[in-house]
N, C-alpha and C. Protein backbone atom coordinates (compact mmCIF):
# COMPACT_ATOMS: atom_id res chain seq x y z
N MET A 1 0.87 -1.18 -0.11
CA MET A 1 0.01 0.07 0.04
C MET A 1 0.93 1.28 0.03
N PRO A 2 0.60 2.20 -0.90
CA PRO A 2 1.44 3.32 -0.98
C PRO A 2 1.31 4.25 0.33
N LYS A 3 2.45 4.94 0.59
CA LYS A 3 2.48 5.78 1.69
C LYS A 3 2.20 7.32 1.41
N THR A 4 1.62 7.49 0.27
CA THR A 4 1.34 8.90 -0.09
C THR A 4 0.04 9.39 0.27
N ILE A 5 -0.16 10.57 0.46
CA ILE A 5 -1.51 11.20 0.93
C ILE A 5 -2.16 11.68 -0.43
N PRO A 6 -3.34 11.52 -0.48
CA PRO A 6 -4.13 11.97 -1.76
C PRO A 6 -3.98 13.50 -1.81
N LEU A 7 -3.92 14.01 -3.02
CA LEU A 7 -3.80 15.37 -3.34
C LEU A 7 -4.90 16.14 -2.55
N MET A 8 -6.15 15.74 -2.56
CA MET A 8 -7.28 16.35 -1.96
C MET A 8 -6.99 16.53 -0.50
N VAL A 9 -6.51 15.56 0.21
CA VAL A 9 -6.21 15.50 1.55
C VAL A 9 -5.13 16.58 1.82
N VAL A 10 -4.21 16.66 1.02
CA VAL A 10 -3.08 17.53 1.23
C VAL A 10 -3.60 19.06 1.05
N LYS A 11 -4.47 19.30 0.11
CA LYS A 11 -5.03 20.65 -0.04
C LYS A 11 -5.94 21.00 1.20
N MET A 12 -6.69 20.07 1.75
CA MET A 12 -7.47 20.26 2.78
C MET A 12 -6.64 20.62 4.00
N ARG A 13 -5.55 19.91 4.20
CA ARG A 13 -4.73 20.29 5.18
C ARG A 13 -3.78 21.52 5.11
N VAL A 14 -3.48 21.90 3.93
CA VAL A 14 -2.85 23.18 3.68
C VAL A 14 -3.75 24.20 4.10
N ALA A 15 -5.05 24.09 3.62
CA ALA A 15 -6.16 25.09 3.95
C ALA A 15 -6.30 25.14 5.55
N ARG A 16 -6.38 24.03 6.07
CA ARG A 16 -6.34 24.04 7.61
C ARG A 16 -5.21 24.73 8.32
N ALA A 17 -4.13 24.43 7.77
CA ALA A 17 -2.78 25.20 8.34
C ALA A 17 -3.00 26.70 8.32
N ARG A 18 -3.55 27.07 6.98
CA ARG A 18 -3.75 28.64 6.76
C ARG A 18 -4.83 29.06 7.79
N GLU A 19 -5.75 28.32 8.07
CA GLU A 19 -6.79 28.83 9.00
C GLU A 19 -6.28 29.09 10.34
N LEU A 20 -5.25 28.27 10.78
CA LEU A 20 -4.62 28.32 12.04
C LEU A 20 -3.57 29.23 12.05
N GLY A 21 -3.13 29.93 10.97
CA GLY A 21 -1.97 30.77 10.90
C GLY A 21 -0.63 30.08 11.11
N LEU A 22 -0.59 28.72 10.69
CA LEU A 22 0.63 27.98 10.81
C LEU A 22 1.07 27.70 9.32
N ASP A 23 2.52 27.43 9.20
CA ASP A 23 2.91 27.00 8.00
C ASP A 23 2.60 25.51 7.93
N TYR A 24 2.52 24.95 6.67
CA TYR A 24 2.07 23.62 6.36
C TYR A 24 3.06 22.63 7.14
N LYS A 25 4.32 22.88 7.04
CA LYS A 25 5.40 21.98 7.68
C LYS A 25 5.05 21.84 9.13
N ALA A 26 4.82 22.93 9.92
CA ALA A 26 4.49 22.87 11.43
C ALA A 26 3.29 22.20 11.61
N TYR A 27 2.30 22.45 10.92
CA TYR A 27 0.90 21.77 10.96
C TYR A 27 0.98 20.37 10.67
N ALA A 28 1.68 19.94 9.75
CA ALA A 28 1.89 18.58 9.44
C ALA A 28 2.53 17.74 10.38
N ALA A 29 3.57 18.41 11.03
CA ALA A 29 4.41 17.76 12.10
C ALA A 29 3.57 17.56 13.36
N ILE A 30 2.72 18.52 13.72
CA ILE A 30 1.79 18.34 14.85
C ILE A 30 0.77 17.30 14.62
N ARG A 31 0.23 17.39 13.35
CA ARG A 31 -0.84 16.30 13.06
C ARG A 31 -0.20 14.85 13.01
N GLN A 32 1.06 14.79 12.53
CA GLN A 32 1.67 13.47 12.50
C GLN A 32 2.10 12.97 13.95
N ALA A 33 2.44 13.88 14.79
CA ALA A 33 2.88 13.55 16.08
C ALA A 33 1.68 13.16 17.04
N THR A 34 0.54 13.88 16.77
CA THR A 34 -0.65 13.53 17.67
C THR A 34 -1.68 12.66 17.03
N GLY A 35 -1.71 12.61 15.61
CA GLY A 35 -2.67 11.78 14.98
C GLY A 35 -4.06 12.51 15.11
N ARG A 36 -4.09 13.86 15.52
CA ARG A 36 -5.28 14.56 15.53
C ARG A 36 -5.19 15.95 14.94
N ASP A 37 -6.31 16.60 14.64
CA ASP A 37 -6.35 17.92 14.32
C ASP A 37 -6.18 18.87 15.42
N ILE A 38 -5.80 20.09 15.21
CA ILE A 38 -5.57 21.21 16.26
C ILE A 38 -6.87 21.79 16.52
N LEU A 39 -7.49 21.72 17.57
CA LEU A 39 -8.70 22.21 17.91
C LEU A 39 -8.61 23.65 18.67
N ALA A 40 -7.56 23.87 19.22
CA ALA A 40 -7.37 25.15 19.98
C ALA A 40 -5.86 25.49 20.12
N LEU A 41 -5.66 26.78 20.24
CA LEU A 41 -4.24 27.26 20.32
C LEU A 41 -4.22 27.86 21.82
N LEU A 42 -3.14 27.53 22.55
CA LEU A 42 -3.06 27.84 23.86
C LEU A 42 -1.97 28.86 24.02
N PHE A 43 -2.14 30.06 24.56
CA PHE A 43 -1.14 31.20 24.64
C PHE A 43 -0.89 31.43 26.17
N SER A 44 0.35 31.84 26.47
CA SER A 44 0.64 32.34 27.81
C SER A 44 0.48 33.82 27.77
N SER A 45 0.32 34.49 28.96
CA SER A 45 0.23 35.95 28.95
C SER A 45 1.38 36.67 28.43
N ASN A 46 2.56 35.96 28.62
CA ASN A 46 3.91 36.44 27.99
C ASN A 46 3.79 36.51 26.60
N ALA A 47 3.26 35.31 26.01
CA ALA A 47 3.28 35.22 24.50
C ALA A 47 2.39 36.31 23.96
N LEU A 48 1.28 36.70 24.78
CA LEU A 48 0.29 37.69 24.29
C LEU A 48 0.78 39.14 24.64
N ARG A 49 1.87 39.28 25.35
CA ARG A 49 2.43 40.47 25.74
C ARG A 49 1.45 41.24 26.61
N VAL A 50 0.88 40.53 27.54
CA VAL A 50 0.06 41.09 28.63
C VAL A 50 0.84 40.85 29.90
N MET A 51 1.36 41.94 30.54
CA MET A 51 2.24 41.81 31.68
C MET A 51 1.61 42.48 32.91
N ARG A 52 0.96 43.58 32.81
CA ARG A 52 0.47 44.34 33.94
C ARG A 52 -0.99 44.11 34.15
N ALA A 53 -1.33 44.24 35.34
CA ALA A 53 -2.71 44.09 35.70
C ALA A 53 -3.46 45.34 35.44
N ASP A 54 -2.93 46.46 35.36
CA ASP A 54 -3.52 47.71 34.97
C ASP A 54 -3.64 47.80 33.45
N ALA A 55 -3.12 46.97 32.60
CA ALA A 55 -3.22 47.10 31.28
C ALA A 55 -3.28 45.66 30.69
N PRO A 56 -4.64 45.09 30.92
CA PRO A 56 -4.81 43.64 30.50
C PRO A 56 -5.05 43.53 28.99
N GLN A 57 -5.01 44.51 28.20
CA GLN A 57 -5.30 44.39 26.81
C GLN A 57 -4.17 43.78 25.90
N ILE A 58 -4.44 42.91 25.09
CA ILE A 58 -3.41 42.34 24.08
C ILE A 58 -3.02 43.56 23.04
N PRO A 59 -1.73 43.76 22.88
CA PRO A 59 -1.38 44.82 21.96
C PRO A 59 -2.00 44.57 20.62
N VAL A 60 -2.28 45.69 19.88
CA VAL A 60 -3.15 45.63 18.63
C VAL A 60 -2.44 44.64 17.59
N HIS A 61 -1.21 44.57 17.38
CA HIS A 61 -0.55 43.65 16.36
C HIS A 61 -0.94 42.22 16.77
N GLU A 62 -0.79 41.80 18.11
CA GLU A 62 -0.93 40.46 18.48
C GLU A 62 -2.40 40.02 18.32
N ALA A 63 -3.35 41.05 18.71
CA ALA A 63 -4.73 40.78 18.64
C ALA A 63 -5.18 40.72 17.23
N ASP A 64 -4.61 41.44 16.25
CA ASP A 64 -5.01 41.27 14.89
C ASP A 64 -4.45 39.99 14.41
N ILE A 65 -3.40 39.36 14.76
CA ILE A 65 -3.04 38.13 14.41
C ILE A 65 -3.98 37.04 14.93
N LEU A 66 -4.36 37.10 16.17
CA LEU A 66 -5.45 36.19 16.79
C LEU A 66 -6.71 36.27 16.02
N ARG A 67 -7.14 37.37 15.49
CA ARG A 67 -8.45 37.50 14.75
C ARG A 67 -8.36 36.61 13.59
N THR A 68 -7.22 36.48 12.93
CA THR A 68 -7.07 35.77 11.65
C THR A 68 -7.28 34.22 11.92
N VAL A 69 -7.06 33.69 13.14
CA VAL A 69 -7.25 32.21 13.35
C VAL A 69 -8.67 31.83 13.25
N GLU A 70 -8.85 30.92 12.44
CA GLU A 70 -10.38 30.57 12.11
C GLU A 70 -10.54 28.99 12.62
N ASN A 71 -11.84 28.70 13.07
CA ASN A 71 -12.10 27.27 13.42
C ASN A 71 -11.21 26.65 14.40
N ALA A 72 -10.84 27.41 15.33
CA ALA A 72 -10.04 26.87 16.50
C ALA A 72 -10.18 27.87 17.69
N GLN A 73 -10.34 27.30 18.90
CA GLN A 73 -10.46 28.11 20.00
C GLN A 73 -9.11 28.77 20.28
N LYS A 74 -9.20 30.04 20.89
CA LYS A 74 -8.00 30.75 21.44
C LYS A 74 -8.03 30.78 22.82
N LEU A 75 -7.21 30.18 23.52
CA LEU A 75 -7.13 29.94 25.05
C LEU A 75 -5.77 30.59 25.51
N ALA A 76 -6.01 31.25 26.81
CA ALA A 76 -4.84 31.82 27.35
C ALA A 76 -4.77 31.43 28.80
N LEU A 77 -3.50 31.35 29.29
CA LEU A 77 -3.25 31.24 30.78
C LEU A 77 -2.37 32.41 31.24
N VAL A 78 -2.84 32.85 32.34
CA VAL A 78 -2.25 34.14 32.91
C VAL A 78 -1.75 33.93 34.26
N HIS A 79 -0.49 34.57 34.65
CA HIS A 79 0.12 34.58 35.81
C HIS A 79 -0.35 35.84 36.71
N LEU A 80 -0.23 35.72 37.94
CA LEU A 80 -0.37 36.89 38.94
C LEU A 80 0.73 37.90 38.38
N PRO A 81 0.34 39.14 38.47
CA PRO A 81 -0.83 39.75 39.09
C PRO A 81 -2.02 39.91 38.22
N LEU A 82 -1.98 39.28 36.92
CA LEU A 82 -3.08 39.39 35.98
C LEU A 82 -4.38 38.54 36.57
N SER A 83 -5.41 39.06 36.28
CA SER A 83 -6.70 38.38 36.58
C SER A 83 -7.23 37.79 35.31
N ALA A 84 -7.61 36.51 35.35
CA ALA A 84 -8.15 35.81 34.23
C ALA A 84 -9.31 36.50 33.76
N ALA A 85 -10.27 36.96 34.65
CA ALA A 85 -11.53 37.58 34.33
C ALA A 85 -11.24 38.92 33.67
N ALA A 86 -10.23 39.73 34.11
CA ALA A 86 -9.92 40.92 33.57
C ALA A 86 -9.29 40.89 32.18
N VAL A 87 -8.42 39.90 32.06
CA VAL A 87 -7.90 39.70 30.65
C VAL A 87 -8.90 39.18 29.66
N HIS A 88 -9.86 38.41 30.05
CA HIS A 88 -10.87 37.84 29.18
C HIS A 88 -11.89 38.94 28.81
N SER A 89 -12.22 39.82 29.71
CA SER A 89 -13.13 40.98 29.42
C SER A 89 -12.52 41.98 28.44
N ALA A 90 -11.21 42.19 28.68
CA ALA A 90 -10.48 43.09 27.84
C ALA A 90 -10.01 42.63 26.54
N ASN A 91 -10.14 41.34 26.32
CA ASN A 91 -9.80 40.75 25.10
C ASN A 91 -10.78 39.86 24.40
N PRO A 92 -11.86 40.34 23.84
CA PRO A 92 -12.89 39.47 23.29
C PRO A 92 -12.46 38.35 22.22
N VAL A 93 -11.28 38.68 21.74
CA VAL A 93 -10.75 37.71 20.76
C VAL A 93 -10.41 36.35 21.34
N LEU A 94 -10.17 36.33 22.62
CA LEU A 94 -9.92 35.12 23.28
C LEU A 94 -11.21 34.42 23.67
N ASP A 95 -11.24 33.03 23.37
CA ASP A 95 -12.53 32.36 23.73
C ASP A 95 -12.50 31.87 25.28
N HIS A 96 -11.38 31.70 25.90
CA HIS A 96 -11.31 31.36 27.37
C HIS A 96 -9.96 31.68 27.97
N VAL A 97 -9.95 32.19 29.15
CA VAL A 97 -8.80 32.64 29.95
C VAL A 97 -8.88 32.01 31.35
N ASP A 98 -7.74 31.49 31.80
CA ASP A 98 -7.72 30.87 33.06
C ASP A 98 -6.46 31.16 33.74
N VAL A 99 -6.29 30.79 34.92
CA VAL A 99 -4.98 31.02 35.63
C VAL A 99 -4.10 29.98 35.28
N ALA A 100 -2.75 30.32 35.05
CA ALA A 100 -1.76 29.36 34.79
C ALA A 100 -1.44 28.69 35.95
N PRO A 101 -0.67 27.53 35.73
CA PRO A 101 -0.30 26.70 36.98
C PRO A 101 0.97 27.49 37.57
N GLN A 102 1.38 27.28 38.73
CA GLN A 102 2.58 28.02 39.33
C GLN A 102 3.82 27.52 38.72
N PHE A 103 4.78 28.32 38.69
CA PHE A 103 6.12 28.03 38.16
C PHE A 103 6.79 26.81 38.90
N VAL A 104 6.55 26.76 40.20
CA VAL A 104 7.22 25.72 41.00
C VAL A 104 6.41 24.48 41.03
N ALA A 105 5.29 24.33 40.34
CA ALA A 105 4.54 23.11 40.37
C ALA A 105 5.23 21.98 39.51
N SER A 106 4.99 20.79 39.89
CA SER A 106 5.50 19.65 39.12
C SER A 106 4.76 19.45 37.90
N TRP A 107 5.39 18.61 36.92
CA TRP A 107 4.61 18.44 35.69
C TRP A 107 3.28 17.70 35.92
N SER A 108 3.15 16.88 36.87
CA SER A 108 1.93 16.23 37.17
C SER A 108 0.89 17.16 37.80
N GLN A 109 1.43 18.13 38.69
CA GLN A 109 0.60 19.14 39.17
C GLN A 109 0.00 20.02 38.13
N MET A 110 0.93 20.35 37.07
CA MET A 110 0.56 21.22 36.00
C MET A 110 -0.50 20.55 35.09
N ARG A 111 -0.38 19.29 34.78
CA ARG A 111 -1.26 18.49 34.09
C ARG A 111 -2.61 18.45 34.66
N GLY A 112 -2.56 18.26 36.04
CA GLY A 112 -3.78 18.25 36.87
C GLY A 112 -4.57 19.60 36.81
N HIS A 113 -3.79 20.62 36.85
CA HIS A 113 -4.38 21.93 36.96
C HIS A 113 -5.09 22.33 35.59
N LEU A 114 -4.36 21.78 34.47
CA LEU A 114 -4.94 22.06 33.14
C LEU A 114 -6.04 21.07 32.85
N GLY A 115 -6.12 20.01 33.58
CA GLY A 115 -7.33 19.05 33.56
C GLY A 115 -7.51 18.55 32.16
């Protein structure tokens, strides 16, 4: 049995990578490693450039990039002093915001926190 992917499947996956804002090589690597499609993108408050509790808005450039992501949830985890509720209300582009696990937590504690 050949190990090639039908052209139509490749075209669908290229389109899906474009929806997510990823290049095809990165999307294909994730897809191959997990065997599943990407349903959500998870960002840290650092990646979103949200650092101060008195300024919970994502900078315009980063927010514009997030708006281009289609058919996937945009999730964020924030560290103190940020409030998950404040970041979520200030950034309607995010689908869900929650508190990040503590830096000193073990891997199993982090996994449990993320549930």
